[in-house]
Amino acid sequence: MIFTNDKAIYLQIGDRLCDEILAGTYQEDDRIPSVREYAVLLQVNTNTAVKAYDELARANIIYNKRGLGYFVSPGAKEQILTERRREFMDNKLPELFRQMRLLDISIGEVDKAWSNLTDV
């Protein structure tokens, strides 16, 4: 995983795990990799992965079964979708529309480009 400078690494790790839940890699009540396994996989400090897992647990995306590891919380996928959609509509879409106006790109052009996408 390549990390960016615009967001804390532990938040990017959490986002990646949420992406995997959205993609169906992990379903409700599935065990996810241990903190150490994920830290090794992403080549980060274990403490950074711990912080990511703690954040996801506080948000009820994952839960810990003592001695067994972390698991995906029931309803996590819907919760992630709701939050990400809200974030997109509140923050990303207004900037996209602003750029479209500046560049004189019509919604019809966007619709055509959307229709031509083969991998969404």
N, C-alpha and C. Protein backbone atom coordinates (compact mmCIF):
# COMPACT_ATOMS: atom_id res chain seq x y z
N MET A 1 0.85 -1.17 0.00
CA MET A 1 0.00 0.00 0.00
C MET A 1 0.89 1.23 0.00
N ILE A 2 0.54 2.18 -0.82
CA ILE A 2 1.27 3.45 -0.87
C ILE A 2 0.45 4.47 -0.09
N PHE A 3 1.08 5.06 0.91
CA PHE A 3 0.39 6.04 1.75
C PHE A 3 0.59 7.44 1.20
N THR A 4 -0.41 8.28 1.41
CA THR A 4 -0.34 9.67 0.97
C THR A 4 -0.05 10.57 2.18
N ASN A 5 0.30 11.80 1.90
CA ASN A 5 0.63 12.74 2.97
C ASN A 5 -0.58 13.53 3.46
N ASP A 6 -1.73 13.35 2.81
CA ASP A 6 -2.89 14.18 3.15
C ASP A 6 -3.73 13.65 4.30
N LYS A 7 -3.38 12.48 4.83
CA LYS A 7 -4.17 11.86 5.88
C LYS A 7 -3.26 10.99 6.73
N ALA A 8 -3.51 10.92 8.02
CA ALA A 8 -2.70 10.09 8.92
C ALA A 8 -2.70 8.63 8.43
N ILE A 9 -1.57 7.95 8.60
CA ILE A 9 -1.43 6.58 8.12
C ILE A 9 -2.46 5.66 8.76
N TYR A 10 -2.70 5.81 10.06
CA TYR A 10 -3.67 4.92 10.71
C TYR A 10 -5.07 5.09 10.12
N LEU A 11 -5.42 6.31 9.70
CA LEU A 11 -6.71 6.53 9.06
C LEU A 11 -6.75 5.89 7.67
N GLN A 12 -5.63 5.93 6.95
CA GLN A 12 -5.55 5.29 5.64
C GLN A 12 -5.66 3.77 5.78
N ILE A 13 -5.09 3.23 6.84
CA ILE A 13 -5.21 1.79 7.10
C ILE A 13 -6.67 1.44 7.37
N GLY A 14 -7.33 2.25 8.18
CA GLY A 14 -8.75 2.04 8.45
C GLY A 14 -9.58 2.13 7.18
N ASP A 15 -9.26 3.10 6.33
CA ASP A 15 -9.97 3.23 5.05
C ASP A 15 -9.78 1.99 4.19
N ARG A 16 -8.57 1.45 4.19
CA ARG A 16 -8.30 0.25 3.38
C ARG A 16 -9.14 -0.92 3.89
N LEU A 17 -9.18 -1.09 5.19
CA LEU A 17 -9.97 -2.18 5.75
C LEU A 17 -11.45 -1.99 5.42
N CYS A 18 -11.92 -0.75 5.50
CA CYS A 18 -13.31 -0.45 5.12
C CYS A 18 -13.54 -0.76 3.64
N ASP A 19 -12.57 -0.43 2.79
CA ASP A 19 -12.67 -0.76 1.36
C ASP A 19 -12.82 -2.26 1.17
N GLU A 20 -12.06 -3.02 1.94
CA GLU A 20 -12.12 -4.49 1.83
C GLU A 20 -13.48 -5.01 2.29
N ILE A 21 -14.05 -4.39 3.31
CA ILE A 21 -15.39 -4.77 3.75
C ILE A 21 -16.41 -4.44 2.66
N LEU A 22 -16.30 -3.25 2.07
CA LEU A 22 -17.22 -2.86 0.99
C LEU A 22 -17.09 -3.78 -0.21
N ALA A 23 -15.87 -4.21 -0.51
CA ALA A 23 -15.62 -5.07 -1.67
C ALA A 23 -16.05 -6.51 -1.42
N GLY A 24 -16.41 -6.84 -0.18
CA GLY A 24 -16.85 -8.19 0.13
C GLY A 24 -15.74 -9.13 0.54
N THR A 25 -14.53 -8.62 0.70
CA THR A 25 -13.42 -9.47 1.16
C THR A 25 -13.74 -10.02 2.54
N TYR A 26 -14.35 -9.19 3.37
CA TYR A 26 -14.77 -9.60 4.72
C TYR A 26 -16.25 -9.30 4.87
N GLN A 27 -16.99 -10.31 5.32
CA GLN A 27 -18.42 -10.19 5.55
C GLN A 27 -18.68 -9.99 7.05
N GLU A 28 -19.94 -9.72 7.40
CA GLU A 28 -20.31 -9.60 8.80
C GLU A 28 -19.85 -10.83 9.58
N ASP A 29 -19.27 -10.57 10.74
CA ASP A 29 -18.78 -11.60 11.66
C ASP A 29 -17.61 -12.43 11.14
N ASP A 30 -17.03 -12.04 9.99
CA ASP A 30 -15.79 -12.66 9.52
C ASP A 30 -14.63 -12.16 10.36
N ARG A 31 -13.67 -13.04 10.60
CA ARG A 31 -12.45 -12.63 11.28
C ARG A 31 -11.59 -11.88 10.27
N ILE A 32 -11.00 -10.78 10.71
CA ILE A 32 -10.08 -10.02 9.86
C ILE A 32 -8.66 -10.33 10.32
N PRO A 33 -7.65 -9.98 9.52
CA PRO A 33 -6.27 -10.26 9.95
C PRO A 33 -5.99 -9.62 11.31
N SER A 34 -5.11 -10.27 12.07
CA SER A 34 -4.72 -9.70 13.35
C SER A 34 -3.99 -8.38 13.11
N VAL A 35 -3.87 -7.60 14.17
CA VAL A 35 -3.15 -6.33 14.07
C VAL A 35 -1.75 -6.57 13.54
N ARG A 36 -1.07 -7.57 14.08
CA ARG A 36 0.30 -7.86 13.64
C ARG A 36 0.35 -8.30 12.18
N GLU A 37 -0.59 -9.16 11.78
CA GLU A 37 -0.64 -9.61 10.39
C GLU A 37 -0.84 -8.44 9.44
N TYR A 38 -1.76 -7.54 9.81
CA TYR A 38 -2.05 -6.40 8.94
C TYR A 38 -0.87 -5.44 8.90
N ALA A 39 -0.22 -5.25 10.04
CA ALA A 39 0.96 -4.38 10.09
C ALA A 39 2.06 -4.91 9.19
N VAL A 40 2.29 -6.21 9.23
CA VAL A 40 3.31 -6.82 8.37
C VAL A 40 2.92 -6.70 6.91
N LEU A 41 1.66 -6.99 6.61
CA LEU A 41 1.16 -6.90 5.24
C LEU A 41 1.36 -5.50 4.66
N LEU A 42 1.08 -4.48 5.46
CA LEU A 42 1.17 -3.10 4.98
C LEU A 42 2.52 -2.46 5.27
N GLN A 43 3.38 -3.20 5.91
CA GLN A 43 4.73 -2.73 6.24
C GLN A 43 4.69 -1.45 7.06
N VAL A 44 3.91 -1.50 8.15
CA VAL A 44 3.82 -0.36 9.07
C VAL A 44 4.12 -0.85 10.48
N ASN A 45 4.36 0.09 11.36
CA ASN A 45 4.58 -0.20 12.77
C ASN A 45 3.31 -0.79 13.36
N THR A 46 3.45 -1.79 14.22
CA THR A 46 2.30 -2.44 14.84
C THR A 46 1.44 -1.43 15.60
N ASN A 47 2.07 -0.46 16.24
CA ASN A 47 1.31 0.55 16.99
C ASN A 47 0.40 1.36 16.07
N THR A 48 0.82 1.58 14.84
CA THR A 48 0.00 2.31 13.88
C THR A 48 -1.23 1.48 13.52
N ALA A 49 -1.03 0.19 13.31
CA ALA A 49 -2.15 -0.70 13.01
C ALA A 49 -3.09 -0.80 14.21
N VAL A 50 -2.54 -0.84 15.43
CA VAL A 50 -3.36 -0.87 16.63
C VAL A 50 -4.27 0.36 16.67
N LYS A 51 -3.70 1.51 16.37
CA LYS A 51 -4.48 2.76 16.37
C LYS A 51 -5.62 2.68 15.36
N ALA A 52 -5.34 2.12 14.18
CA ALA A 52 -6.38 1.97 13.15
C ALA A 52 -7.49 1.04 13.64
N TYR A 53 -7.12 -0.08 14.21
CA TYR A 53 -8.11 -1.04 14.70
C TYR A 53 -8.92 -0.43 15.84
N ASP A 54 -8.26 0.29 16.74
CA ASP A 54 -8.97 0.94 17.84
C ASP A 54 -10.01 1.93 17.31
N GLU A 55 -9.61 2.69 16.30
CA GLU A 55 -10.52 3.68 15.70
C GLU A 55 -11.73 2.98 15.07
N LEU A 56 -11.49 1.88 14.35
CA LEU A 56 -12.59 1.13 13.72
C LEU A 56 -13.48 0.48 14.77
N ALA A 57 -12.90 0.03 15.87
CA ALA A 57 -13.69 -0.57 16.94
C ALA A 57 -14.56 0.50 17.61
N ARG A 58 -14.01 1.70 17.83
CA ARG A 58 -14.80 2.80 18.40
C ARG A 58 -15.98 3.18 17.50
N ALA A 59 -15.77 3.03 16.19
CA ALA A 59 -16.84 3.35 15.22
C ALA A 59 -17.78 2.17 14.99
N ASN A 60 -17.57 1.07 15.72
CA ASN A 60 -18.39 -0.14 15.61
C ASN A 60 -18.34 -0.78 14.22
N ILE A 61 -17.21 -0.62 13.54
CA ILE A 61 -17.00 -1.28 12.25
C ILE A 61 -16.47 -2.70 12.50
N ILE A 62 -15.63 -2.83 13.52
CA ILE A 62 -15.09 -4.13 13.91
C ILE A 62 -15.28 -4.31 15.42
N TYR A 63 -15.18 -5.54 15.87
CA TYR A 63 -15.25 -5.81 17.31
C TYR A 63 -14.23 -6.88 17.65
N ASN A 64 -13.84 -6.90 18.91
CA ASN A 64 -12.81 -7.82 19.38
C ASN A 64 -13.46 -8.95 20.19
N LYS A 65 -13.10 -10.18 19.84
CA LYS A 65 -13.45 -11.33 20.66
C LYS A 65 -12.17 -11.71 21.39
N ARG A 66 -12.14 -11.47 22.66
CA ARG A 66 -10.94 -11.70 23.45
C ARG A 66 -10.33 -13.07 23.17
N GLY A 67 -9.07 -13.07 22.79
CA GLY A 67 -8.35 -14.31 22.52
C GLY A 67 -8.55 -14.85 21.11
N LEU A 68 -9.51 -14.32 20.38
CA LEU A 68 -9.80 -14.82 19.03
C LEU A 68 -9.45 -13.82 17.94
N GLY A 69 -9.45 -12.54 18.26
CA GLY A 69 -9.11 -11.53 17.28
C GLY A 69 -10.26 -10.59 17.00
N TYR A 70 -10.11 -9.87 15.89
CA TYR A 70 -11.11 -8.88 15.48
C TYR A 70 -12.00 -9.44 14.39
N PHE A 71 -13.26 -9.01 14.42
CA PHE A 71 -14.27 -9.47 13.49
C PHE A 71 -15.06 -8.27 12.96
N VAL A 72 -15.67 -8.45 11.78
CA VAL A 72 -16.49 -7.39 11.19
C VAL A 72 -17.83 -7.33 11.92
N SER A 73 -18.19 -6.15 12.36
CA SER A 73 -19.45 -5.94 13.08
C SER A 73 -20.65 -6.11 12.15
N PRO A 74 -21.74 -6.66 12.67
CA PRO A 74 -22.97 -6.69 11.88
C PRO A 74 -23.38 -5.26 11.50
N GLY A 75 -23.76 -5.07 10.25
CA GLY A 75 -24.16 -3.75 9.76
C GLY A 75 -23.01 -2.84 9.38
N ALA A 76 -21.77 -3.34 9.47
CA ALA A 76 -20.60 -2.50 9.18
C ALA A 76 -20.62 -1.99 7.74
N LYS A 77 -20.95 -2.85 6.80
CA LYS A 77 -20.94 -2.45 5.39
C LYS A 77 -21.91 -1.29 5.15
N GLU A 78 -23.11 -1.41 5.68
CA GLU A 78 -24.11 -0.35 5.51
C GLU A 78 -23.66 0.93 6.19
N GLN A 79 -23.04 0.80 7.35
CA GLN A 79 -22.55 1.96 8.09
C GLN A 79 -21.45 2.68 7.30
N ILE A 80 -20.55 1.91 6.72
CA ILE A 80 -19.46 2.49 5.91
C ILE A 80 -20.05 3.19 4.69
N LEU A 81 -20.99 2.51 4.00
CA LEU A 81 -21.63 3.10 2.82
C LEU A 81 -22.32 4.42 3.16
N THR A 82 -23.06 4.44 4.25
CA THR A 82 -23.77 5.65 4.66
C THR A 82 -22.80 6.80 4.90
N GLU A 83 -21.74 6.53 5.63
CA GLU A 83 -20.77 7.58 5.95
C GLU A 83 -20.02 8.05 4.71
N ARG A 84 -19.61 7.11 3.88
CA ARG A 84 -18.87 7.50 2.67
C ARG A 84 -19.75 8.25 1.68
N ARG A 85 -21.00 7.87 1.55
CA ARG A 85 -21.91 8.59 0.67
C ARG A 85 -22.12 10.02 1.17
N ARG A 86 -22.31 10.16 2.50
CA ARG A 86 -22.47 11.49 3.08
C ARG A 86 -21.23 12.33 2.83
N GLU A 87 -20.06 11.76 3.04
CA GLU A 87 -18.80 12.46 2.81
C GLU A 87 -18.69 12.90 1.34
N PHE A 88 -19.04 12.00 0.43
CA PHE A 88 -18.97 12.31 -0.99
C PHE A 88 -19.93 13.45 -1.35
N MET A 89 -21.17 13.33 -0.90
CA MET A 89 -22.17 14.34 -1.24
C MET A 89 -21.85 15.70 -0.62
N ASP A 90 -21.32 15.70 0.60
CA ASP A 90 -21.05 16.95 1.31
C ASP A 90 -19.74 17.61 0.90
N ASN A 91 -18.75 16.80 0.53
CA ASN A 91 -17.41 17.36 0.32
C ASN A 91 -16.85 17.21 -1.09
N LYS A 92 -16.97 16.04 -1.66
CA LYS A 92 -16.35 15.80 -2.96
C LYS A 92 -17.20 16.30 -4.13
N LEU A 93 -18.50 16.06 -4.06
CA LEU A 93 -19.38 16.45 -5.16
C LEU A 93 -19.40 17.96 -5.39
N PRO A 94 -19.50 18.78 -4.35
CA PRO A 94 -19.47 20.23 -4.60
C PRO A 94 -18.17 20.68 -5.30
N GLU A 95 -17.06 20.10 -4.93
CA GLU A 95 -15.79 20.45 -5.59
C GLU A 95 -15.78 19.95 -7.04
N LEU A 96 -16.33 18.78 -7.28
CA LEU A 96 -16.44 18.26 -8.64
C LEU A 96 -17.28 19.20 -9.50
N PHE A 97 -18.43 19.62 -8.98
CA PHE A 97 -19.29 20.55 -9.73
C PHE A 97 -18.59 21.88 -9.98
N ARG A 98 -17.85 22.36 -9.00
CA ARG A 98 -17.10 23.61 -9.17
C ARG A 98 -16.09 23.47 -10.31
N GLN A 99 -15.38 22.37 -10.33
CA GLN A 99 -14.40 22.13 -11.40
C GLN A 99 -15.09 21.99 -12.76
N MET A 100 -16.24 21.33 -12.78
CA MET A 100 -16.98 21.19 -14.04
C MET A 100 -17.37 22.57 -14.58
N ARG A 101 -17.84 23.45 -13.70
CA ARG A 101 -18.20 24.81 -14.14
C ARG A 101 -16.98 25.55 -14.67
N LEU A 102 -15.87 25.47 -13.94
CA LEU A 102 -14.66 26.16 -14.37
C LEU A 102 -14.15 25.66 -15.71
N LEU A 103 -14.29 24.36 -15.94
CA LEU A 103 -13.78 23.75 -17.17
C LEU A 103 -14.84 23.65 -18.26
N ASP A 104 -16.04 24.14 -17.98
CA ASP A 104 -17.15 24.11 -18.93
C ASP A 104 -17.44 22.68 -19.39
N ILE A 105 -17.56 21.80 -18.42
CA ILE A 105 -17.91 20.40 -18.70
C ILE A 105 -19.38 20.22 -18.32
N SER A 106 -20.16 19.74 -19.27
CA SER A 106 -21.60 19.58 -19.02
C SER A 106 -21.86 18.24 -18.34
N ILE A 107 -23.03 18.16 -17.72
CA ILE A 107 -23.44 16.91 -17.09
C ILE A 107 -23.62 15.82 -18.16
N GLY A 108 -23.98 16.23 -19.38
CA GLY A 108 -24.10 15.28 -20.49
C GLY A 108 -22.75 14.65 -20.84
N GLU A 109 -21.69 15.45 -20.81
CA GLU A 109 -20.35 14.92 -21.07
C GLU A 109 -19.94 13.93 -19.98
N VAL A 110 -20.30 14.26 -18.76
CA VAL A 110 -19.98 13.36 -17.64
C VAL A 110 -20.77 12.06 -17.78
N ASP A 111 -22.04 12.19 -18.14
CA ASP A 111 -22.89 11.01 -18.32
C ASP A 111 -22.31 10.11 -19.42
N LYS A 112 -21.87 10.71 -20.51
CA LYS A 112 -21.29 9.94 -21.61
C LYS A 112 -20.00 9.24 -21.15
N ALA A 113 -19.16 9.97 -20.44
CA ALA A 113 -17.92 9.36 -19.93
C ALA A 113 -18.24 8.23 -18.97
N TRP A 114 -19.26 8.43 -18.11
CA TRP A 114 -19.68 7.40 -17.16
C TRP A 114 -20.14 6.15 -17.91
N SER A 115 -20.91 6.34 -18.97
CA SER A 115 -21.42 5.22 -19.77
C SER A 115 -20.30 4.45 -20.45
N ASN A 116 -19.20 5.15 -20.78
CA ASN A 116 -18.08 4.52 -21.46
C ASN A 116 -17.13 3.78 -20.54
N LEU A 117 -17.30 3.97 -19.22
CA LEU A 117 -16.42 3.28 -18.28
C LEU A 117 -16.68 1.79 -18.33
N THR A 118 -15.63 1.03 -18.34
CA THR A 118 -15.80 -0.42 -18.37
C THR A 118 -15.55 -1.05 -17.00
N ASP A 119 -14.84 -0.34 -16.13
CA ASP A 119 -14.50 -0.92 -14.81
C ASP A 119 -14.81 0.09 -13.72
N VAL A 120 -16.01 -0.03 -13.17
CA VAL A 120 -16.43 0.87 -12.09
C VAL A 120 -16.50 0.10 -10.81
